[in-house]
Protein backbone atom coordinates (compact mmCIF):
# COMPACT_ATOMS: atom_id res chain seq x y z
CA MET A 1 9.45 -21.12 13.45
CA PRO A 2 11.46 -19.29 16.40
CA GLU A 3 9.44 -16.60 18.24
CA ASN A 4 11.73 -13.43 16.51
CA LYS A 5 10.94 -14.86 13.17
CA SER A 6 7.48 -14.81 13.96
CA SER A 7 7.87 -11.24 14.95
CA VAL A 8 10.01 -10.13 12.06
CA PHE A 9 6.98 -11.88 9.29
CA ARG A 10 4.39 -9.69 11.60
CA VAL A 11 6.59 -6.26 11.80
CA LEU A 12 6.98 -7.11 7.87
CA ASP A 13 3.19 -8.01 6.70
CA ALA A 14 2.52 -4.63 9.02
CA ASN A 15 4.15 -2.40 6.85
CA LEU A 16 2.89 -3.49 3.91
CA ASN A 17 -0.36 -3.10 4.90
CA ARG A 18 0.50 0.74 5.32
CA LEU A 19 2.98 0.70 1.59
CA ARG A 20 -0.69 -0.90 0.32
CA GLU A 21 -2.66 2.03 2.26
CA GLY A 22 -0.20 4.54 1.04
CA LEU A 23 -0.71 3.49 -2.21
CA ARG A 24 -4.35 4.12 -1.96
CA VAL A 25 -4.09 7.09 -0.86
CA VAL A 26 -2.15 8.12 -3.30
CA GLU A 27 -4.25 7.11 -6.18
CA GLU A 28 -7.60 7.76 -4.77
CA TYR A 29 -6.02 12.01 -4.71
CA CYS A 30 -4.79 11.16 -8.03
CA ARG A 31 -8.21 10.21 -9.45
CA LEU A 32 -10.62 12.34 -7.51
CA VAL A 33 -8.35 15.36 -6.52
CA GLN A 34 -6.68 16.26 -9.82
CA ASN A 35 -9.34 14.51 -11.93
CA ASP A 36 -6.19 12.22 -13.31
CA LYS A 37 -7.39 8.46 -14.72
CA SER A 38 -5.74 7.66 -16.72
CA PHE A 39 -3.18 7.00 -13.98
CA ILE A 40 -4.90 4.37 -12.97
CA GLN A 41 -5.63 2.61 -15.76
CA LEU A 42 -4.00 -0.56 -16.42
CA LYS A 43 -1.43 -0.38 -20.07
């Protein structure tokens, strides 16, 4: 795989990890601060 493609995939992977962590923070806020357990229930 060319170096450029590898770099692009590394950047995408890092940003997906940041997105996942951001969603986890939102979930924790809703669950703990807002005490909204329905937010995290699977439907």
